[in-house]
Amino acid sequence: MVIQQSSMMFETNRLLLRAVRKTDLESMQKLWNDRRVQQMLSPSYVLPKPQGPKAEEELLNKPDLLFAIVETKDGNEFVGFTNLFDLQTKNQDVRFGLALLPEFWGRGFATEIMRFVVDYAFLELALHRVTLNVFESNVAAIRVYEKIGFIREGVQRKANWMEGRWQDVIWMAILKDDWESSRQ
């Protein structure tokens, strides 16, 4: 099985998930370089990520399933992105990623997107599990993941240095069996 970026488009109650376009790159760069987002997104946050033709080309041609998230009621305003990446074909496992611009936090968009992507992973991609990792300080995200049905599977103790202290990285996953049980 190969996960490929394409021109697929999906709609949830309030959001549209569509292929990333060249016109999204400025918004994605803004999101990526926002300190509040970046420190929750990557263990390697130090400086803003450079943007240039090579970075744009790499992003647009990633082998991951990468979607821009846009709010439909406000004329397709860019909200963030979500992706499925690092597919393990033999194990039918994929990693999940999600990032929203801070002005869209606390509006239920993360839950809406996660429900859709997890459903898609199990129904359309026939996967066995969806895996993610999250920094312990991202309490809001952990709440959302648990609401969707993700289970804590492990902890990398003191694996991320942020704001002057070490913090744990929590690994979570949802199995297709758990997902099916929660739908009954």
N, C-alpha and C. Protein backbone atom coordinates (compact mmCIF):
# COMPACT_ATOMS: atom_id res chain seq x y z
N MET A 1 0.85 -1.17 0.00
CA MET A 1 0.00 0.00 0.00
C MET A 1 0.89 1.24 0.00
N VAL A 2 0.54 2.21 -0.82
CA VAL A 2 1.27 3.46 -0.88
C VAL A 2 0.30 4.59 -0.58
N ILE A 3 0.68 5.44 0.32
CA ILE A 3 -0.12 6.64 0.59
C ILE A 3 0.44 7.73 -0.30
N GLN A 4 -0.39 8.29 -1.15
CA GLN A 4 0.09 9.30 -2.08
C GLN A 4 -0.70 10.58 -1.94
N GLN A 5 0.02 11.69 -2.08
CA GLN A 5 -0.63 12.99 -2.12
C GLN A 5 -1.36 13.08 -3.45
N SER A 6 -2.54 13.61 -3.45
CA SER A 6 -3.29 13.73 -4.69
C SER A 6 -4.19 14.94 -4.61
N SER A 7 -5.12 14.99 -5.50
CA SER A 7 -6.05 16.11 -5.51
C SER A 7 -7.31 15.78 -4.72
N MET A 8 -7.25 14.76 -3.84
CA MET A 8 -8.41 14.39 -3.04
C MET A 8 -8.87 15.56 -2.20
N MET A 9 -10.17 15.59 -1.95
CA MET A 9 -10.75 16.64 -1.14
C MET A 9 -11.84 16.00 -0.29
N PHE A 10 -11.87 16.37 0.98
CA PHE A 10 -12.88 15.83 1.89
C PHE A 10 -13.48 16.98 2.68
N GLU A 11 -14.73 16.79 3.09
CA GLU A 11 -15.40 17.83 3.86
C GLU A 11 -15.94 17.23 5.15
N THR A 12 -15.70 17.94 6.27
CA THR A 12 -16.30 17.58 7.54
C THR A 12 -17.42 18.59 7.77
N ASN A 13 -17.95 18.67 8.98
CA ASN A 13 -19.05 19.60 9.25
C ASN A 13 -18.69 21.05 8.94
N ARG A 14 -17.49 21.48 9.36
CA ARG A 14 -17.12 22.88 9.21
C ARG A 14 -15.85 23.11 8.41
N LEU A 15 -15.20 22.04 8.02
CA LEU A 15 -13.87 22.16 7.43
C LEU A 15 -13.75 21.39 6.13
N LEU A 16 -12.79 21.82 5.34
CA LEU A 16 -12.44 21.15 4.11
C LEU A 16 -10.99 20.69 4.22
N LEU A 17 -10.74 19.44 3.88
CA LEU A 17 -9.38 18.92 3.82
C LEU A 17 -9.08 18.72 2.34
N ARG A 18 -8.02 19.36 1.88
CA ARG A 18 -7.68 19.25 0.47
C ARG A 18 -6.17 19.20 0.31
N ALA A 19 -5.74 18.82 -0.86
CA ALA A 19 -4.32 18.78 -1.15
C ALA A 19 -3.71 20.16 -0.92
N VAL A 20 -2.48 20.17 -0.44
CA VAL A 20 -1.77 21.43 -0.24
C VAL A 20 -1.45 22.02 -1.62
N ARG A 21 -1.70 23.32 -1.73
CA ARG A 21 -1.42 24.05 -2.97
C ARG A 21 -0.27 25.01 -2.74
N LYS A 22 0.32 25.43 -3.82
CA LYS A 22 1.40 26.40 -3.73
C LYS A 22 0.93 27.67 -2.99
N THR A 23 -0.33 28.02 -3.16
CA THR A 23 -0.87 29.21 -2.50
C THR A 23 -0.99 29.04 -0.98
N ASP A 24 -0.89 27.81 -0.48
CA ASP A 24 -0.94 27.55 0.97
C ASP A 24 0.41 27.70 1.64
N LEU A 25 1.47 27.75 0.85
CA LEU A 25 2.82 27.67 1.43
C LEU A 25 3.12 28.83 2.39
N GLU A 26 2.67 30.01 2.08
CA GLU A 26 2.91 31.14 2.98
C GLU A 26 2.20 30.93 4.33
N SER A 27 0.97 30.45 4.27
CA SER A 27 0.22 30.17 5.50
C SER A 27 0.85 29.03 6.29
N MET A 28 1.32 28.01 5.59
CA MET A 28 1.98 26.90 6.27
C MET A 28 3.28 27.35 6.92
N GLN A 29 3.99 28.25 6.27
CA GLN A 29 5.22 28.78 6.84
C GLN A 29 4.91 29.61 8.09
N LYS A 30 3.83 30.39 8.03
CA LYS A 30 3.40 31.17 9.20
C LYS A 30 3.08 30.24 10.37
N LEU A 31 2.36 29.17 10.08
CA LEU A 31 2.02 28.20 11.12
C LEU A 31 3.29 27.56 11.67
N TRP A 32 4.14 27.08 10.78
CA TRP A 32 5.34 26.37 11.20
C TRP A 32 6.24 27.27 12.05
N ASN A 33 6.30 28.55 11.74
CA ASN A 33 7.20 29.46 12.43
C ASN A 33 6.58 30.15 13.64
N ASP A 34 5.33 29.86 13.95
CA ASP A 34 4.71 30.40 15.15
C ASP A 34 5.28 29.63 16.34
N ARG A 35 5.90 30.32 17.24
CA ARG A 35 6.56 29.67 18.38
C ARG A 35 5.61 28.78 19.19
N ARG A 36 4.36 29.22 19.38
CA ARG A 36 3.39 28.43 20.15
C ARG A 36 3.09 27.10 19.48
N VAL A 37 3.04 27.10 18.15
CA VAL A 37 2.80 25.87 17.40
C VAL A 37 4.06 25.03 17.36
N GLN A 38 5.16 25.65 16.99
CA GLN A 38 6.41 24.93 16.76
C GLN A 38 6.90 24.19 17.99
N GLN A 39 6.79 24.78 19.15
CA GLN A 39 7.28 24.10 20.33
C GLN A 39 6.44 22.88 20.70
N MET A 40 5.23 22.80 20.18
CA MET A 40 4.39 21.62 20.42
C MET A 40 4.49 20.62 19.27
N LEU A 41 5.09 21.05 18.16
CA LEU A 41 5.09 20.24 16.94
C LEU A 41 6.38 19.47 16.74
N SER A 42 7.48 20.03 17.18
CA SER A 42 8.76 19.42 16.81
C SER A 42 9.75 19.49 17.97
N PRO A 43 10.47 18.40 18.20
CA PRO A 43 11.49 18.43 19.24
C PRO A 43 12.73 19.22 18.81
N SER A 44 12.80 19.59 17.56
CA SER A 44 13.99 20.27 17.06
C SER A 44 13.79 21.78 16.90
N TYR A 45 12.74 22.33 17.52
CA TYR A 45 12.48 23.76 17.38
C TYR A 45 13.62 24.58 17.98
N VAL A 46 14.21 25.41 17.16
CA VAL A 46 15.23 26.34 17.61
C VAL A 46 15.02 27.68 16.92
N LEU A 47 15.03 27.66 15.60
CA LEU A 47 14.88 28.87 14.79
C LEU A 47 13.78 28.65 13.77
N PRO A 48 13.22 29.75 13.23
CA PRO A 48 12.23 29.58 12.16
C PRO A 48 12.80 28.76 11.02
N LYS A 49 11.94 27.98 10.44
CA LYS A 49 12.33 27.11 9.33
C LYS A 49 12.47 27.95 8.06
N PRO A 50 13.59 27.83 7.34
CA PRO A 50 13.75 28.63 6.14
C PRO A 50 12.78 28.19 5.04
N GLN A 51 12.39 29.14 4.24
CA GLN A 51 11.50 28.84 3.13
C GLN A 51 12.22 29.21 1.85
N GLY A 52 12.08 28.41 0.87
CA GLY A 52 12.68 28.68 -0.42
C GLY A 52 12.14 27.71 -1.44
N PRO A 53 12.58 27.83 -2.67
CA PRO A 53 12.06 26.95 -3.72
C PRO A 53 12.25 25.47 -3.42
N LYS A 54 13.41 25.10 -2.85
CA LYS A 54 13.66 23.68 -2.55
C LYS A 54 12.71 23.18 -1.47
N ALA A 55 12.51 23.98 -0.41
CA ALA A 55 11.60 23.59 0.67
C ALA A 55 10.17 23.47 0.15
N GLU A 56 9.78 24.40 -0.71
CA GLU A 56 8.43 24.35 -1.30
C GLU A 56 8.25 23.10 -2.14
N GLU A 57 9.24 22.80 -2.96
CA GLU A 57 9.19 21.60 -3.82
C GLU A 57 9.07 20.34 -2.98
N GLU A 58 9.87 20.25 -1.91
CA GLU A 58 9.82 19.07 -1.03
C GLU A 58 8.45 18.91 -0.39
N LEU A 59 7.88 20.02 0.09
CA LEU A 59 6.57 19.96 0.74
C LEU A 59 5.49 19.52 -0.23
N LEU A 60 5.49 20.09 -1.42
CA LEU A 60 4.45 19.77 -2.39
C LEU A 60 4.57 18.36 -2.95
N ASN A 61 5.74 17.75 -2.86
CA ASN A 61 5.96 16.42 -3.42
C ASN A 61 6.23 15.36 -2.36
N LYS A 62 5.83 15.62 -1.12
CA LYS A 62 6.04 14.64 -0.05
C LYS A 62 5.25 13.37 -0.35
N PRO A 63 5.80 12.21 0.03
CA PRO A 63 5.06 10.97 -0.18
C PRO A 63 3.96 10.76 0.86
N ASP A 64 3.90 11.61 1.85
CA ASP A 64 2.88 11.50 2.89
C ASP A 64 1.52 11.94 2.35
N LEU A 65 0.49 11.58 3.09
CA LEU A 65 -0.85 12.07 2.81
C LEU A 65 -0.99 13.35 3.61
N LEU A 66 -0.84 14.48 2.94
CA LEU A 66 -0.79 15.78 3.59
C LEU A 66 -1.96 16.62 3.09
N PHE A 67 -2.73 17.16 4.03
CA PHE A 67 -3.88 17.98 3.68
C PHE A 67 -3.80 19.35 4.31
N ALA A 68 -4.17 20.35 3.54
CA ALA A 68 -4.43 21.67 4.10
C ALA A 68 -5.83 21.60 4.69
N ILE A 69 -6.02 22.27 5.81
CA ILE A 69 -7.34 22.35 6.45
C ILE A 69 -7.81 23.78 6.27
N VAL A 70 -9.01 23.93 5.72
CA VAL A 70 -9.56 25.27 5.52
C VAL A 70 -10.97 25.31 6.10
N GLU A 71 -11.31 26.46 6.64
CA GLU A 71 -12.65 26.67 7.21
C GLU A 71 -13.57 27.09 6.09
N THR A 72 -14.65 26.38 5.90
CA THR A 72 -15.53 26.64 4.76
C THR A 72 -16.44 27.85 4.97
N LYS A 73 -16.85 28.12 6.20
CA LYS A 73 -17.80 29.22 6.41
C LYS A 73 -17.17 30.60 6.19
N ASP A 74 -15.86 30.69 6.31
CA ASP A 74 -15.18 31.96 6.12
C ASP A 74 -14.45 32.04 4.78
N GLY A 75 -15.00 31.40 3.78
CA GLY A 75 -14.41 31.50 2.45
C GLY A 75 -13.09 30.77 2.31
N ASN A 76 -12.99 29.61 2.90
CA ASN A 76 -11.80 28.78 2.77
C ASN A 76 -10.57 29.39 3.41
N GLU A 77 -10.71 29.89 4.62
CA GLU A 77 -9.57 30.42 5.36
C GLU A 77 -8.69 29.28 5.86
N PHE A 78 -7.38 29.39 5.64
CA PHE A 78 -6.42 28.36 6.05
C PHE A 78 -6.42 28.23 7.58
N VAL A 79 -6.61 27.01 8.07
CA VAL A 79 -6.68 26.71 9.49
C VAL A 79 -5.42 25.99 9.96
N GLY A 80 -4.91 25.08 9.13
CA GLY A 80 -3.75 24.28 9.51
C GLY A 80 -3.52 23.16 8.52
N PHE A 81 -2.86 22.11 9.01
CA PHE A 81 -2.65 20.95 8.16
C PHE A 81 -2.72 19.69 9.00
N THR A 82 -2.97 18.59 8.34
CA THR A 82 -2.94 17.28 8.95
C THR A 82 -2.25 16.32 7.99
N ASN A 83 -1.61 15.31 8.55
CA ASN A 83 -0.96 14.35 7.67
C ASN A 83 -0.88 12.97 8.30
N LEU A 84 -0.76 12.00 7.42
CA LEU A 84 -0.44 10.63 7.77
C LEU A 84 0.91 10.36 7.13
N PHE A 85 1.86 9.85 7.92
CA PHE A 85 3.23 9.71 7.42
C PHE A 85 3.89 8.50 8.05
N ASP A 86 5.07 8.17 7.55
CA ASP A 86 5.86 7.03 8.04
C ASP A 86 5.05 5.73 8.05
N LEU A 87 4.37 5.47 6.95
CA LEU A 87 3.59 4.25 6.83
C LEU A 87 4.48 3.02 6.97
N GLN A 88 4.09 2.10 7.83
CA GLN A 88 4.72 0.79 7.93
C GLN A 88 3.77 -0.20 7.26
N THR A 89 4.04 -0.51 6.02
CA THR A 89 3.14 -1.33 5.23
C THR A 89 2.89 -2.69 5.87
N LYS A 90 3.96 -3.38 6.26
CA LYS A 90 3.81 -4.72 6.83
C LYS A 90 2.91 -4.69 8.08
N ASN A 91 3.09 -3.69 8.91
CA ASN A 91 2.36 -3.60 10.17
C ASN A 91 1.06 -2.80 10.08
N GLN A 92 0.78 -2.26 8.91
CA GLN A 92 -0.43 -1.47 8.68
C GLN A 92 -0.59 -0.37 9.74
N ASP A 93 0.51 0.31 9.99
CA ASP A 93 0.58 1.37 11.01
C ASP A 93 1.04 2.65 10.33
N VAL A 94 0.46 3.75 10.73
CA VAL A 94 0.83 5.05 10.18
C VAL A 94 0.90 6.06 11.31
N ARG A 95 1.76 7.05 11.18
CA ARG A 95 1.85 8.14 12.16
C ARG A 95 0.89 9.24 11.75
N PHE A 96 0.35 9.91 12.75
CA PHE A 96 -0.62 11.00 12.54
C PHE A 96 -0.02 12.31 13.00
N GLY A 97 -0.24 13.36 12.23
CA GLY A 97 0.19 14.70 12.61
C GLY A 97 -0.92 15.71 12.37
N LEU A 98 -0.94 16.76 13.18
CA LEU A 98 -1.95 17.80 13.07
C LEU A 98 -1.38 19.08 13.64
N ALA A 99 -1.58 20.18 12.94
CA ALA A 99 -1.18 21.49 13.46
C ALA A 99 -2.19 22.53 13.01
N LEU A 100 -2.65 23.33 13.95
CA LEU A 100 -3.61 24.40 13.67
C LEU A 100 -3.00 25.74 14.07
N LEU A 101 -3.34 26.77 13.32
CA LEU A 101 -2.93 28.11 13.72
C LEU A 101 -3.57 28.43 15.07
N PRO A 102 -2.86 29.11 15.96
CA PRO A 102 -3.39 29.38 17.31
C PRO A 102 -4.75 30.06 17.35
N GLU A 103 -5.06 30.88 16.37
CA GLU A 103 -6.37 31.55 16.39
C GLU A 103 -7.53 30.58 16.20
N PHE A 104 -7.23 29.32 15.84
CA PHE A 104 -8.28 28.32 15.68
C PHE A 104 -8.29 27.29 16.80
N TRP A 105 -7.44 27.44 17.79
CA TRP A 105 -7.41 26.54 18.93
C TRP A 105 -8.69 26.72 19.76
N GLY A 106 -9.13 25.67 20.39
CA GLY A 106 -10.27 25.75 21.32
C GLY A 106 -11.62 25.82 20.65
N ARG A 107 -11.70 25.55 19.36
CA ARG A 107 -12.97 25.64 18.63
C ARG A 107 -13.50 24.27 18.20
N GLY A 108 -12.84 23.20 18.66
CA GLY A 108 -13.29 21.86 18.33
C GLY A 108 -12.81 21.35 16.98
N PHE A 109 -11.99 22.12 16.29
CA PHE A 109 -11.51 21.70 14.97
C PHE A 109 -10.60 20.48 15.05
N ALA A 110 -9.75 20.41 16.07
CA ALA A 110 -8.83 19.27 16.19
C ALA A 110 -9.63 17.97 16.35
N THR A 111 -10.66 17.99 17.17
CA THR A 111 -11.49 16.80 17.36
C THR A 111 -12.18 16.42 16.05
N GLU A 112 -12.72 17.39 15.37
CA GLU A 112 -13.42 17.14 14.10
C GLU A 112 -12.47 16.52 13.06
N ILE A 113 -11.28 17.07 12.95
CA ILE A 113 -10.31 16.56 11.99
C ILE A 113 -9.84 15.17 12.39
N MET A 114 -9.52 14.99 13.66
CA MET A 114 -9.03 13.68 14.12
C MET A 114 -10.05 12.58 13.88
N ARG A 115 -11.31 12.86 14.19
CA ARG A 115 -12.35 11.84 13.95
C ARG A 115 -12.37 11.46 12.47
N PHE A 116 -12.32 12.45 11.61
CA PHE A 116 -12.36 12.17 10.18
C PHE A 116 -11.14 11.37 9.74
N VAL A 117 -9.94 11.81 10.11
CA VAL A 117 -8.72 11.15 9.65
C VAL A 117 -8.61 9.73 10.18
N VAL A 118 -8.96 9.51 11.43
CA VAL A 118 -8.92 8.16 12.00
C VAL A 118 -9.94 7.27 11.27
N ASP A 119 -11.14 7.77 11.05
CA ASP A 119 -12.13 7.00 10.28
C ASP A 119 -11.58 6.66 8.90
N TYR A 120 -10.98 7.63 8.24
CA TYR A 120 -10.41 7.44 6.91
C TYR A 120 -9.30 6.38 6.94
N ALA A 121 -8.45 6.44 7.93
CA ALA A 121 -7.34 5.49 8.04
C ALA A 121 -7.85 4.05 8.15
N PHE A 122 -8.91 3.85 8.91
CA PHE A 122 -9.41 2.50 9.11
C PHE A 122 -10.37 2.06 8.00
N LEU A 123 -11.25 2.93 7.56
CA LEU A 123 -12.23 2.55 6.55
C LEU A 123 -11.66 2.52 5.13
N GLU A 124 -10.91 3.53 4.77
CA GLU A 124 -10.45 3.66 3.38
C GLU A 124 -9.05 3.10 3.14
N LEU A 125 -8.17 3.25 4.13
CA LEU A 125 -6.80 2.77 3.95
C LEU A 125 -6.58 1.38 4.52
N ALA A 126 -7.58 0.85 5.21
CA ALA A 126 -7.53 -0.51 5.78
C ALA A 126 -6.32 -0.70 6.69
N LEU A 127 -6.03 0.30 7.50
CA LEU A 127 -4.91 0.20 8.42
C LEU A 127 -5.32 -0.53 9.70
N HIS A 128 -4.32 -0.97 10.44
CA HIS A 128 -4.53 -1.69 11.70
C HIS A 128 -4.40 -0.75 12.90
N ARG A 129 -3.55 0.29 12.76
CA ARG A 129 -3.35 1.21 13.88
C ARG A 129 -2.90 2.57 13.36
N VAL A 130 -3.18 3.58 14.17
CA VAL A 130 -2.72 4.95 13.93
C VAL A 130 -1.95 5.36 15.18
N THR A 131 -0.73 5.84 15.00
CA THR A 131 0.18 6.16 16.10
C THR A 131 0.50 7.64 16.08
N LEU A 132 0.73 8.20 17.26
CA LEU A 132 1.18 9.58 17.35
C LEU A 132 2.05 9.74 18.58
N ASN A 133 2.76 10.84 18.63
CA ASN A 133 3.44 11.21 19.87
C ASN A 133 3.12 12.66 20.18
N VAL A 134 3.16 12.98 21.47
CA VAL A 134 2.77 14.30 21.94
C VAL A 134 3.62 14.66 23.16
N PHE A 135 3.96 15.93 23.28
CA PHE A 135 4.72 16.38 24.44
C PHE A 135 3.78 16.49 25.64
N GLU A 136 4.29 16.11 26.82
CA GLU A 136 3.45 16.08 28.01
C GLU A 136 2.79 17.42 28.33
N SER A 137 3.42 18.52 27.92
CA SER A 137 2.87 19.85 28.21
C SER A 137 1.68 20.21 27.32
N ASN A 138 1.43 19.42 26.29
CA ASN A 138 0.32 19.71 25.37
C ASN A 138 -0.94 19.01 25.88
N VAL A 139 -1.41 19.48 27.01
CA VAL A 139 -2.53 18.87 27.72
C VAL A 139 -3.81 18.89 26.88
N ALA A 140 -4.06 19.98 26.16
CA ALA A 140 -5.27 20.08 25.34
C ALA A 140 -5.27 19.00 24.25
N ALA A 141 -4.12 18.80 23.61
CA ALA A 141 -4.03 17.78 22.56
C ALA A 141 -4.24 16.39 23.15
N ILE A 142 -3.64 16.11 24.28
CA ILE A 142 -3.79 14.80 24.92
C ILE A 142 -5.26 14.53 25.22
N ARG A 143 -5.98 15.55 25.69
CA ARG A 143 -7.42 15.41 25.96
C ARG A 143 -8.17 15.02 24.69
N VAL A 144 -7.85 15.70 23.58
CA VAL A 144 -8.50 15.39 22.31
C VAL A 144 -8.19 13.97 21.88
N TYR A 145 -6.93 13.58 21.94
CA TYR A 145 -6.53 12.24 21.50
C TYR A 145 -7.25 11.17 22.32
N GLU A 146 -7.34 11.37 23.62
CA GLU A 146 -8.04 10.40 24.46
C GLU A 146 -9.53 10.37 24.16
N LYS A 147 -10.12 11.52 23.86
CA LYS A 147 -11.54 11.58 23.50
C LYS A 147 -11.81 10.76 22.23
N ILE A 148 -10.87 10.78 21.29
CA ILE A 148 -11.01 10.04 20.04
C ILE A 148 -10.83 8.54 20.26
N GLY A 149 -10.10 8.16 21.32
CA GLY A 149 -9.90 6.75 21.62
C GLY A 149 -8.45 6.31 21.63
N PHE A 150 -7.52 7.25 21.50
CA PHE A 150 -6.10 6.91 21.56
C PHE A 150 -5.74 6.50 22.99
N ILE A 151 -4.88 5.50 23.09
CA ILE A 151 -4.43 4.96 24.38
C ILE A 151 -2.94 5.27 24.53
N ARG A 152 -2.56 5.67 25.74
CA ARG A 152 -1.12 5.88 26.01
C ARG A 152 -0.42 4.53 26.01
N GLU A 153 0.62 4.44 25.20
CA GLU A 153 1.34 3.17 25.08
C GLU A 153 2.74 3.23 25.68
N GLY A 154 3.29 4.40 25.76
CA GLY A 154 4.64 4.48 26.29
C GLY A 154 5.05 5.92 26.50
N VAL A 155 6.15 6.07 27.22
CA VAL A 155 6.67 7.39 27.52
C VAL A 155 8.17 7.39 27.29
N GLN A 156 8.63 8.37 26.55
CA GLN A 156 10.07 8.63 26.47
C GLN A 156 10.33 9.67 27.54
N ARG A 157 10.96 9.24 28.62
CA ARG A 157 11.16 10.11 29.76
C ARG A 157 12.18 11.19 29.45
N LYS A 158 11.79 12.42 29.82
CA LYS A 158 12.66 13.58 29.68
C LYS A 158 13.38 13.60 28.33
N ALA A 159 12.60 13.48 27.27
CA ALA A 159 13.15 13.38 25.92
C ALA A 159 13.08 14.68 25.14
N ASN A 160 12.44 15.70 25.70
CA ASN A 160 12.29 16.97 24.97
C ASN A 160 12.60 18.14 25.91
N TRP A 161 13.53 18.97 25.50
CA TRP A 161 13.89 20.16 26.27
C TRP A 161 13.04 21.32 25.78
N MET A 162 12.24 21.91 26.68
CA MET A 162 11.39 23.02 26.29
C MET A 162 11.24 23.98 27.45
N GLU A 163 11.47 25.24 27.15
CA GLU A 163 11.30 26.32 28.11
C GLU A 163 12.02 26.05 29.43
N GLY A 164 13.26 25.61 29.31
CA GLY A 164 14.12 25.48 30.47
C GLY A 164 13.95 24.23 31.30
N ARG A 165 13.23 23.23 30.76
CA ARG A 165 13.08 21.99 31.51
C ARG A 165 12.88 20.82 30.56
N TRP A 166 13.21 19.64 31.08
CA TRP A 166 12.97 18.42 30.32
C TRP A 166 11.51 18.01 30.50
N GLN A 167 10.95 17.46 29.45
CA GLN A 167 9.59 16.93 29.54
C GLN A 167 9.51 15.61 28.80
N ASP A 168 8.51 14.83 29.18
CA ASP A 168 8.30 13.52 28.57
C ASP A 168 7.63 13.66 27.20
N VAL A 169 7.88 12.67 26.36
CA VAL A 169 7.16 12.53 25.09
C VAL A 169 6.29 11.29 25.25
N ILE A 170 5.00 11.47 25.05
CA ILE A 170 4.02 10.39 25.24
C ILE A 170 3.67 9.81 23.88
N TRP A 171 3.75 8.48 23.78
CA TRP A 171 3.36 7.78 22.57
C TRP A 171 1.96 7.21 22.77
N MET A 172 1.09 7.43 21.78
CA MET A 172 -0.29 6.98 21.86
C MET A 172 -0.67 6.31 20.54
N ALA A 173 -1.68 5.46 20.60
CA ALA A 173 -2.17 4.83 19.38
C ALA A 173 -3.63 4.43 19.57
N ILE A 174 -4.28 4.25 18.44
CA ILE A 174 -5.62 3.67 18.42
C ILE A 174 -5.56 2.50 17.44
N LEU A 175 -6.08 1.36 17.88
CA LEU A 175 -6.14 0.17 17.03
C LEU A 175 -7.50 0.10 16.35
N LYS A 176 -7.53 -0.55 15.21
CA LYS A 176 -8.80 -0.69 14.50
C LYS A 176 -9.84 -1.37 15.37
N ASP A 177 -9.44 -2.39 16.15
CA ASP A 177 -10.39 -3.09 17.04
C ASP A 177 -11.01 -2.13 18.06
N ASP A 178 -10.18 -1.26 18.65
CA ASP A 178 -10.68 -0.28 19.62
C ASP A 178 -11.64 0.70 18.95
N TRP A 179 -11.25 1.14 17.77
CA TRP A 179 -12.07 2.09 17.01
C TRP A 179 -13.42 1.46 16.68
N GLU A 180 -13.42 0.20 16.21
CA GLU A 180 -14.66 -0.47 15.87
C GLU A 180 -15.56 -0.63 17.11
N SER A 181 -14.96 -0.98 18.25
CA SER A 181 -15.73 -1.15 19.49
C SER A 181 -16.38 0.17 19.92
N SER A 182 -15.66 1.27 19.73
CA SER A 182 -16.20 2.57 20.15
C SER A 182 -17.33 3.05 19.27
N ARG A 183 -17.46 2.50 18.09
CA ARG A 183 -18.52 2.91 17.14
C ARG A 183 -19.82 2.15 17.36
N GLN A 184 -19.81 1.13 18.19
CA GLN A 184 -21.02 0.30 18.38
C GLN A 184 -21.92 0.88 19.44
